[in-house]
Each structure stands twice: as structure tokens, then as C-alpha cells.
Amino acid sequence: MGNLQELSDLKKTIKISARRFEESPYIDRTNCPEMVRGVYAGRYFAMSLGEDPIQKYWLLRQKAAIFDVPEKPIEISGPDSIPFLEKVMTRKVASIKEGRGYYSLACTHQGGIFMDGVIFKFNENKFWYVQADGPFEDWLLAHSGGFNVKISDPKSRVLQIQGPASIDIMKAASNGKIDENMPYYRSGFFDLGGQQLYVSRSGFTNELGFEIYSDGFTTDHLALWDHLMDCGKPFGMELSATRAMTIRRIEAGIFGNLTDIDTTINPFEAGLGFCVNMDKGDFIGREVLVNKDKRTCLLGLTCKTETPVSGSKVINGSKIVGHITAGVHSPTLNTGIGYVRFYEPNDWPGKNLDLKLPNGNLHKAEIVNLPFFDKEKHIVKGINRTIPSRT
């Protein structure tokens, strides 16, 4: 079951027991009658607050937005943390330096992608894996036999401050300790309004940004929220639901677990071979991945006349060759974009194919490499600090 977060999903709502899933500790500051919640990694999050998502998108691209996101850190600790993580992760863990984050996958024994997320090293015996959607804690527990490790939930809730003003906001929030000298995907503990909290320079938008991790039940979440909002106000920061983030993450070529990638696609097919270290030794799925075709089957699609939606078919001549996993209208490119999953590898980029929507309408589309723009990631790395104008 994916987290599609398409516009139609905002009207497909049902009543459900509020205690079935984990509520946000920031809900007293974010709740409103217009809120539409989604569920991700067993946590509620705001898909919509009744706002204009395009206005919030441009706020994200031109100033800054704060997002209460449901991504879930899992703690792996103990003397066997490194050998255990080497077994379940595709990335080489032993060489990770303290305070460094790496995007990494966990694969099934058949080579499919079970989970994606970011692994952070606190010390030799303590790591956090910030997981996407799915039951990853159970997966880790099931494979921990024979290892002296502890798998636990630190009850950390994550806030993301994203956008070109995020560095100035975090500089104010940390009394100058966080600034533009903090490299991309670096992390550490900082004093934010009198509370020591873990902060990483990362996010789910490919804009300049930071993630702030609360410390379980010891964090005064509402005081943290108020502090960050006070620091962000002079720079125009506002709260946003995740619809604006969804638009930006698709433009940026960032995949959603269980939506764009899942156990039926392997890292090479998804174009994620860069985070599979085949030379590190054995890990779950390696034996199968050794013999897999290394060509990419998950690519981008642009359509000038319509917005792709999940389930749309991609047709070459008279043959269905793929389907759309997620699609949005790109405000920056002013065109429809989406991810297309092809059923067979081929030289797809540059080809003009037909897009068949669920209603049967056909539209011309072009296949492109990801991301849709800023292919060198100059924005998120801070190399390009140009503020885009609204088209």
C-alpha cells in the first residue's frame, strides 16, 4: 500500500480510531478543522491543512517551510551494531564516520527493495536508521539473531525546515552554531532554544534544508516548535502540509517507498545502484543482485498536455511498456511530470511515447532521466543560491 498523496486522495477520507496510529507531539500547534491526515510508518501526518499547495510550494522554493514529517528513526545499538548493519544494509557501514549520514537500502533475499532511508552514526556502537514507510523495525528484529544488538524506537519525531532561508533560520535557532559551513548530509547535536537535539543537513525536497530530531519523551516539543517558529518568522517561514513537499520531491527525483519503489524492484532497476556496495562482502540480497541487469527501469516522464497520475499506462506503439507510479504538475517546469516504471530495460530516455490515463485519454509524453532539473544537485548543496521566480 503506497502513500500516493495525489489531489484525489484529499477527498478519500474515512473515520478511524485515533489511537490506532501515533499522533504527532506537535499536534497542538498544527491541528485545524481542515487537516486531512495520512498514515506513514505507523504515524499520522498532515497531507493537507486546507492551504493552497502551490502557494506553499513557492514558499518552499523562495523562502522556507516547516514540515512535521512522519519518517521514523530506529536505533541500532550494541557491540555488534556494525556487523549486523553490514548484513542488512546495501551500503558499507564500517567506513561511515561519526556525524555522517548516508542514504542506504535494505533488500529482500530476492534482491527487491524492502526499505530506503538514511543511516547516521553516533558512535561505534550506536546508529540511527531513519526509515521510510513500512514495518522495518520488525524486519530488523527478525534478522538480529546471533548478533549482540538492541533494536529500539527512540520515539523521535522529525521536523524539516526546507528552503533557501533555512540556513539563516537554523543559524538563529542555534545561536550561530549551525551555518552554511555545515556540509550536506552532516549531523550533530546542537542547542536549540535550551534543548540539546540532533540535527542533520538533509531533507525530502532537494532544497537547502535541515531535519531536527526530537529526543523522545525528554523533549519539550511545543517549546521547540515555538522556538523554531519565532526564529523562522523574520524570514517568512510558514507551516506546510506535505503536498508541497510531494511536488518538490518528485521534481527532485526522490522516490517514495511502497509508492515508487518496493520489493518487486531491485536497486539497479530503480537507478539506485550507487548505494549498493557489492565489494563490501555479504549482505541480504547480494547473491541475487550480482547477476542482475544493471540498467535502469524507473525513469521520468514529462507531458505538456496533462498531469500523469498513478496507474496511468505508458505505451510504445500498441504495447504497454510501463506504468506511472506517481505524478504531479511541476510549477517550475509548468508541465506534467511523473515516474514511469518500465517492465523491461531499454534505451528509454529521449523516446516519445503515449501516456494513457485511467479515463482512457491518450497524451504524448517524453521519457527523461531523473531528476527533472538541477541534475547536479547544486541547489541542495548550496552551490546555486539563486531564488527562483514564480512562473
Protein backbone atom coordinates (compact mmCIF):
# COMPACT_ATOMS: atom_id res chain seq x y z
CA MET A 1 0.00 0.00 0.00
CA GLY A 2 1.55 3.25 -1.12
CA ASN A 3 1.37 6.83 0.12
CA LEU A 4 0.31 8.38 -3.17
CA GLN A 5 -0.80 11.79 -1.80
CA GLU A 6 -2.43 12.77 -5.06
CA LEU A 7 -5.05 15.53 -5.12
CA SER A 8 -7.88 13.00 -5.29
CA ASP A 9 -6.64 11.39 -2.07
CA LEU A 10 -7.55 14.52 -0.09
CA LYS A 11 -11.23 13.68 -0.64
CA LYS A 12 -10.94 9.94 0.01
CA THR A 13 -11.22 10.14 3.78
CA ILE A 14 -12.63 7.76 6.39
CA LYS A 15 -13.11 7.77 10.14
CA ILE A 16 -10.65 5.64 12.09
CA SER A 17 -9.76 5.14 15.74
CA ALA A 18 -7.36 7.93 16.64
CA ARG A 19 -5.27 5.64 18.88
CA ARG A 20 -4.56 3.11 16.15
CA PHE A 21 -1.60 5.19 14.95
CA GLU A 22 0.93 7.51 16.57
CA GLU A 23 -0.13 11.14 16.87
CA SER A 24 2.36 13.95 16.39
CA PRO A 25 3.64 15.65 19.56
CA TYR A 26 3.26 18.94 17.66
CA ILE A 27 -0.44 18.48 17.00
CA ASP A 28 -1.47 21.23 19.44
CA ARG A 29 0.35 23.70 17.19
CA THR A 30 -0.62 22.27 13.81
CA ASN A 31 -4.18 20.99 14.17
CA CYS A 32 -7.01 22.70 12.34
CA PRO A 33 -10.51 21.70 11.16
CA GLU A 34 -9.27 21.46 7.58
CA MET A 35 -6.50 18.97 8.34
CA VAL A 36 -6.52 15.75 6.30
CA ARG A 37 -4.23 13.15 7.83
CA GLY A 38 -2.30 10.38 6.17
CA VAL A 39 -0.55 7.43 7.80
CA TYR A 40 3.12 6.68 7.19
CA ALA A 41 5.37 4.33 9.18
CA GLY A 42 2.52 3.98 11.68
CA ARG A 43 2.39 7.74 12.26
CA TYR A 44 -0.19 10.37 11.43
CA PHE A 45 0.91 13.31 9.32
CA ALA A 46 -0.82 16.27 7.68
CA MET A 47 -1.40 15.71 3.97
CA SER A 48 -3.38 18.93 3.78
CA LEU A 49 -4.21 21.84 6.06
CA GLY A 50 -6.67 23.38 3.65
CA GLU A 51 -3.94 25.56 2.23
CA ASP A 52 -3.08 26.31 -1.39
CA PRO A 53 -0.31 23.74 -2.10
CA ILE A 54 1.08 25.80 -4.97
CA GLN A 55 1.47 28.83 -2.71
CA LYS A 56 3.27 26.62 -0.18
CA TYR A 57 5.41 25.16 -2.97
CA TRP A 58 6.67 28.62 -3.93
CA LEU A 59 7.17 29.46 -0.26
CA LEU A 60 9.39 26.37 -0.05
CA ARG A 61 11.35 27.36 -3.15
CA GLN A 62 11.68 31.08 -2.34
CA LYS A 63 11.76 31.32 1.47
CA ALA A 64 11.25 28.36 3.83
CA ALA A 65 8.61 25.94 5.05
CA ILE A 66 8.50 23.79 8.17
CA PHE A 67 7.07 20.28 7.83
CA ASP A 68 6.02 17.90 10.61
CA VAL A 69 7.02 14.69 8.86
CA PRO A 70 6.36 11.05 9.84
CA GLU A 71 9.70 9.48 8.89
CA LYS A 72 10.77 7.22 11.76
CA PRO A 73 14.24 6.81 13.30
CA ILE A 74 15.09 3.31 14.51
CA GLU A 75 18.05 2.87 16.87
CA ILE A 76 20.53 0.03 16.44
CA SER A 77 22.94 -0.23 19.36
CA GLY A 78 25.34 -2.70 20.91
CA PRO A 79 28.81 -4.17 20.23
CA ASP A 80 27.65 -5.96 17.07
CA SER A 81 25.97 -2.92 15.53
CA ILE A 82 28.40 -2.66 12.61
CA PRO A 83 28.46 -6.34 11.55
CA PHE A 84 24.69 -6.51 11.92
CA LEU A 85 24.13 -3.43 9.77
CA GLU A 86 26.61 -4.75 7.21
CA LYS A 87 24.32 -7.77 6.90
CA VAL A 88 21.05 -5.88 6.42
CA MET A 89 22.24 -2.74 4.56
CA THR A 90 23.44 -2.40 0.97
CA ARG A 91 25.87 0.36 1.93
CA LYS A 92 29.23 -0.22 3.58
CA VAL A 93 28.73 0.70 7.22
CA ALA A 94 32.19 0.15 8.71
CA SER A 95 33.63 3.17 6.90
CA ILE A 96 30.88 5.61 7.96
CA LYS A 97 32.30 8.44 10.04
CA GLU A 98 30.60 9.80 13.13
CA GLY A 99 28.24 12.62 12.27
CA ARG A 100 27.84 11.50 8.68
CA GLY A 101 24.60 10.37 7.06
CA TYR A 102 24.28 8.00 4.11
CA TYR A 103 21.28 7.07 2.03
CA SER A 104 21.04 3.28 2.17
CA LEU A 105 18.73 0.45 1.20
CA ALA A 106 17.71 -2.82 2.78
CA CYS A 107 16.91 -5.58 0.31
CA THR A 108 14.99 -8.82 0.48
CA HIS A 109 16.66 -12.16 -0.12
CA GLN A 110 15.29 -11.93 -3.67
CA GLY A 111 17.05 -8.58 -4.24
CA GLY A 112 13.96 -6.38 -4.04
CA ILE A 113 13.96 -3.08 -2.12
CA PHE A 114 12.39 -3.58 1.29
CA MET A 115 13.26 -0.19 2.78
CA ASP A 116 15.09 3.02 1.99
CA GLY A 117 16.30 5.65 4.41
CA VAL A 118 19.29 7.42 5.89
CA ILE A 119 21.75 5.86 8.32
CA PHE A 120 23.51 8.09 10.88
CA LYS A 121 26.44 7.06 13.04
CA PHE A 122 26.51 8.34 16.63
CA ASN A 123 29.46 6.17 17.68
CA GLU A 124 30.85 2.68 17.03
CA ASN A 125 28.02 1.07 18.98
CA LYS A 126 25.08 3.32 18.14
CA PHE A 127 23.36 4.12 14.84
CA TRP A 128 20.04 5.53 13.74
CA TYR A 129 18.33 4.45 10.56
CA VAL A 130 15.68 6.97 9.59
CA GLN A 131 13.25 4.74 7.76
CA ALA A 132 10.56 5.45 5.20
CA ASP A 133 7.13 3.83 5.17
CA GLY A 134 6.91 0.16 6.12
CA PRO A 135 7.49 -2.28 9.06
CA PHE A 136 11.28 -2.00 9.19
CA GLU A 137 11.67 -2.39 12.95
CA ASP A 138 10.12 -5.86 12.72
CA TRP A 139 12.44 -6.71 9.79
CA LEU A 140 15.50 -5.76 11.85
CA LEU A 141 14.32 -7.76 14.84
CA ALA A 142 13.69 -10.80 12.64
CA HIS A 143 17.29 -10.73 11.34
CA SER A 144 19.08 -9.87 14.58
CA GLY A 145 19.55 -13.44 15.77
CA GLY A 146 23.18 -14.21 16.60
CA PHE A 147 24.10 -10.52 16.94
CA ASN A 148 24.62 -8.66 20.21
CA VAL A 149 22.44 -5.72 19.23
CA LYS A 150 19.41 -3.90 20.54
CA ILE A 151 16.72 -2.68 18.15
CA SER A 152 14.64 0.10 19.68
CA ASP A 153 12.36 3.00 18.90
CA PRO A 154 13.83 6.25 20.32
CA LYS A 155 10.41 7.93 19.93
CA SER A 156 11.97 10.69 17.90
CA ARG A 157 9.68 12.86 15.79
CA VAL A 158 11.22 14.72 12.89
CA LEU A 159 10.73 18.30 11.75
CA GLN A 160 12.06 19.51 8.42
CA ILE A 161 12.90 23.13 7.71
CA GLN A 162 13.41 23.39 3.95
CA GLY A 163 14.05 26.26 1.56
CA PRO A 164 16.71 28.87 0.75
CA ALA A 165 16.21 30.69 4.08
CA SER A 166 16.71 27.50 6.12
CA ILE A 167 20.38 28.21 6.85
CA ASP A 168 19.60 31.66 8.26
CA ILE A 169 16.74 30.21 10.31
CA MET A 170 18.87 27.42 11.78
CA LYS A 171 21.67 29.89 12.45
CA ALA A 172 19.25 31.96 14.51
CA ALA A 173 17.77 28.87 16.21
CA SER A 174 21.23 27.55 17.23
CA ASN A 175 22.71 30.88 18.29
CA GLY A 176 25.07 30.79 15.33
CA LYS A 177 26.35 27.22 15.78
CA ILE A 178 24.67 25.97 12.59
CA ASP A 179 25.60 27.86 9.44
CA GLU A 180 26.47 27.43 5.75
CA ASN A 181 29.71 25.65 6.74
CA MET A 182 27.76 22.57 7.81
CA PRO A 183 28.09 20.24 4.80
CA TYR A 184 25.26 18.38 3.13
CA TYR A 185 24.38 15.12 4.93
CA ARG A 186 26.35 16.05 8.05
CA SER A 187 24.80 15.93 11.52
CA GLY A 188 25.39 16.58 15.19
CA PHE A 189 23.92 17.74 18.48
CA PHE A 190 23.07 21.41 18.89
CA ASP A 191 21.41 23.63 21.46
CA LEU A 192 18.08 24.78 20.06
CA GLY A 193 16.32 27.06 22.50
CA GLY A 194 17.91 25.38 25.51
CA GLN A 195 17.38 21.78 24.33
CA GLN A 196 20.16 19.52 23.01
CA LEU A 197 18.85 17.98 19.80
CA TYR A 198 20.19 16.03 16.86
CA VAL A 199 20.19 17.99 13.59
CA SER A 200 21.14 16.90 10.08
CA ARG A 201 21.51 18.95 6.94
CA SER A 202 19.21 16.89 4.76
CA GLY A 203 15.58 16.62 3.74
CA PHE A 204 12.97 15.34 1.30
CA THR A 205 12.89 18.25 -1.16
CA ASN A 206 16.38 18.77 -2.64
CA GLU A 207 16.15 22.36 -1.46
CA LEU A 208 18.54 23.68 1.16
CA GLY A 209 17.28 22.19 4.38
CA PHE A 210 17.65 20.64 7.80
CA GLU A 211 15.99 17.92 9.85
CA ILE A 212 15.54 18.27 13.60
CA TYR A 213 15.10 15.07 15.63
CA SER A 214 13.36 15.21 18.99
CA ASP A 215 14.68 13.13 21.89
CA GLY A 216 11.70 11.00 22.77
CA PHE A 217 9.82 11.88 25.91
CA THR A 218 12.58 14.19 27.20
CA THR A 219 11.97 16.87 24.56
CA ASP A 220 9.57 19.71 25.21
CA HIS A 221 8.10 19.53 21.73
CA LEU A 222 5.86 22.56 21.96
CA ALA A 223 8.68 24.74 23.30
CA LEU A 224 10.88 23.54 20.43
CA TRP A 225 8.13 24.31 17.93
CA ASP A 226 7.62 27.81 19.31
CA HIS A 227 11.36 28.47 19.27
CA LEU A 228 11.72 27.41 15.65
CA MET A 229 8.67 29.38 14.56
CA ASP A 230 9.94 32.50 16.33
CA CYS A 231 13.30 32.13 14.57
CA GLY A 232 11.68 31.47 11.21
CA LYS A 233 9.12 34.27 11.27
CA PRO A 234 11.54 37.08 10.25
CA PHE A 235 12.49 35.01 7.20
CA GLY A 236 8.92 34.28 6.14
CA MET A 237 8.81 30.63 7.23
CA GLU A 238 5.37 29.04 7.49
CA LEU A 239 3.96 25.63 8.35
CA SER A 240 3.11 23.48 5.35
CA ALA A 241 1.39 20.15 4.89
CA THR A 242 3.20 17.56 2.78
CA ARG A 243 1.52 18.20 -0.58
CA ALA A 244 4.07 20.90 -1.46
CA MET A 245 6.85 18.53 -0.38
CA THR A 246 5.42 15.79 -2.61
CA ILE A 247 5.51 18.06 -5.66
CA ARG A 248 9.10 19.08 -4.96
CA ARG A 249 10.36 15.58 -4.18
CA ILE A 250 9.04 14.27 -7.50
CA GLU A 251 10.71 17.15 -9.36
CA ALA A 252 13.89 16.19 -7.50
CA GLY A 253 13.76 12.50 -8.41
CA ILE A 254 13.27 11.35 -4.80
CA PHE A 255 11.37 8.08 -4.51
CA GLY A 256 8.68 7.11 -2.03
CA ASN A 257 8.96 3.64 -0.51
CA LEU A 258 5.90 1.46 -1.24
CA THR A 259 4.81 4.02 -3.84
CA ASP A 260 7.64 4.26 -6.39
CA ILE A 261 9.93 1.52 -5.08
CA ASP A 262 9.05 -1.73 -3.32
CA THR A 263 10.06 -5.38 -3.04
CA THR A 264 9.26 -6.01 -6.72
CA ILE A 265 12.03 -3.70 -7.98
CA ASN A 266 15.75 -4.05 -7.31
CA PRO A 267 18.19 -1.16 -6.71
CA PHE A 268 19.65 -1.26 -10.22
CA GLU A 269 16.22 -1.15 -11.85
CA ALA A 270 15.41 1.84 -9.64
CA GLY A 271 18.61 3.65 -10.62
CA LEU A 272 19.93 3.34 -7.07
CA GLY A 273 22.97 1.20 -7.78
CA PHE A 274 25.21 3.96 -6.39
CA CYS A 275 24.23 2.95 -2.85
CA VAL A 276 24.88 -0.77 -3.31
CA ASN A 277 28.44 -1.66 -2.32
CA MET A 278 28.88 -5.06 -3.96
CA ASP A 279 32.53 -5.19 -2.84
CA LYS A 280 31.84 -4.94 0.90
CA GLY A 281 31.10 -8.61 1.50
CA ASP A 282 27.87 -10.48 2.04
CA PHE A 283 24.55 -8.77 2.75
CA ILE A 284 20.93 -9.79 2.35
CA GLY A 285 20.13 -9.92 -1.36
CA ARG A 286 23.73 -9.69 -2.61
CA GLU A 287 23.85 -13.20 -4.07
CA VAL A 288 20.89 -12.40 -6.32
CA LEU A 289 21.97 -8.84 -7.17
CA VAL A 290 25.34 -10.00 -8.51
CA ASN A 291 23.66 -11.36 -11.62
CA LYS A 292 21.01 -8.67 -12.12
CA ASP A 293 20.85 -6.41 -15.17
CA LYS A 294 22.29 -3.05 -14.12
CA ARG A 295 20.13 -0.93 -16.45
CA THR A 296 17.53 1.48 -15.04
CA CYS A 297 13.79 0.86 -15.44
CA LEU A 298 12.47 3.70 -13.24
CA LEU A 299 12.66 6.98 -15.13
CA GLY A 300 10.98 10.34 -15.55
CA LEU A 301 8.14 11.29 -17.89
CA THR A 302 7.02 14.74 -19.00
CA CYS A 303 3.65 15.54 -20.57
CA LYS A 304 2.75 19.04 -21.79
CA THR A 305 -0.99 18.43 -22.08
CA GLU A 306 -1.92 16.56 -18.88
CA THR A 307 -0.69 15.60 -15.41
CA PRO A 308 0.26 11.92 -15.10
CA VAL A 309 -1.46 10.04 -12.29
CA SER A 310 -0.60 6.73 -10.66
CA GLY A 311 -1.82 3.76 -12.63
CA SER A 312 -1.58 5.51 -15.99
CA LYS A 313 -0.16 3.28 -18.74
CA VAL A 314 2.84 4.11 -20.89
CA ILE A 315 2.51 2.77 -24.43
CA ASN A 316 5.09 2.24 -27.17
CA GLY A 317 3.21 1.71 -30.42
CA SER A 318 0.50 -0.73 -29.39
CA LYS A 319 2.37 -2.29 -26.46
CA ILE A 320 2.05 -1.30 -22.80
CA VAL A 321 5.65 -0.97 -21.67
CA GLY A 322 5.27 0.66 -18.24
CA HIS A 323 3.07 2.49 -15.78
CA ILE A 324 3.13 5.69 -13.73
CA THR A 325 3.88 5.30 -10.02
CA ALA A 326 3.33 8.98 -9.10
CA GLY A 327 2.74 12.21 -10.95
CA VAL A 328 2.25 15.95 -10.36
CA HIS A 329 2.14 19.21 -12.25
CA SER A 330 5.55 20.86 -11.91
CA PRO A 331 5.15 24.58 -11.14
CA THR A 332 8.78 25.24 -12.03
CA LEU A 333 8.69 23.47 -15.40
CA ASN A 334 5.00 24.27 -15.98
CA THR A 335 4.34 20.78 -17.29
CA GLY A 336 3.08 17.42 -16.09
CA ILE A 337 5.77 15.11 -14.71
CA GLY A 338 5.83 11.65 -13.21
CA TYR A 339 7.81 8.49 -12.61
CA VAL A 340 7.37 5.70 -15.12
CA ARG A 341 8.31 2.15 -14.23
CA PHE A 342 9.22 0.22 -17.36
CA TYR A 343 8.74 -3.53 -17.48
CA GLU A 344 11.93 -4.14 -19.48
CA PRO A 345 15.21 -2.18 -19.68
CA ASN A 346 15.83 -0.29 -22.91
CA ASP A 347 17.21 3.00 -24.18
CA TRP A 348 14.09 4.80 -22.99
CA PRO A 349 15.40 8.34 -22.28
CA GLY A 350 14.59 10.67 -25.17
CA LYS A 351 11.81 8.49 -26.57
CA ASN A 352 8.36 9.92 -27.28
CA LEU A 353 5.66 7.53 -26.07
CA ASP A 354 1.93 7.62 -25.35
CA LEU A 355 0.51 8.21 -21.89
CA LYS A 356 -2.89 6.58 -21.32
CA LEU A 357 -4.72 7.96 -18.29
CA PRO A 358 -7.13 5.83 -16.23
CA ASN A 359 -10.03 7.57 -18.02
CA GLY A 360 -8.72 6.25 -21.35
CA ASN A 361 -7.46 9.57 -22.74
CA LEU A 362 -4.16 9.48 -24.64
CA HIS A 363 -1.43 12.12 -24.46
CA LYS A 364 2.04 12.44 -25.94
CA ALA A 365 4.87 12.16 -23.44
CA GLU A 366 8.67 12.19 -23.39
CA ILE A 367 10.91 9.96 -21.27
CA VAL A 368 13.73 11.74 -19.41
CA ASN A 369 16.44 10.97 -16.91
CA LEU A 370 15.96 11.98 -13.28
CA PRO A 371 15.88 14.44 -11.64
CA PHE A 372 13.73 16.69 -13.80
CA PHE A 373 16.01 19.68 -13.15
CA ASP A 374 19.11 20.58 -11.11
CA LYS A 375 20.71 17.29 -12.12
CA GLU A 376 23.99 18.16 -10.35
CA LYS A 377 22.15 18.92 -7.07
CA HIS A 378 23.63 22.41 -6.89
CA ILE A 379 20.57 23.73 -5.00
CA VAL A 380 20.65 21.28 -2.09
CA LYS A 381 24.45 21.57 -1.85
CA GLY A 382 24.23 25.36 -1.66
CA ILE A 383 26.24 25.93 -4.84
CA ASN A 384 23.26 27.58 -6.55
CA ARG A 385 21.65 30.07 -4.14
CA THR A 386 19.50 31.76 -6.80
CA ILE A 387 15.94 32.39 -5.65
CA PRO A 388 13.62 31.15 -8.42
CA SER A 389 10.89 33.42 -9.70
CA ARG A 390 7.31 32.20 -9.84
CA THR A 391 6.32 31.20 -13.35
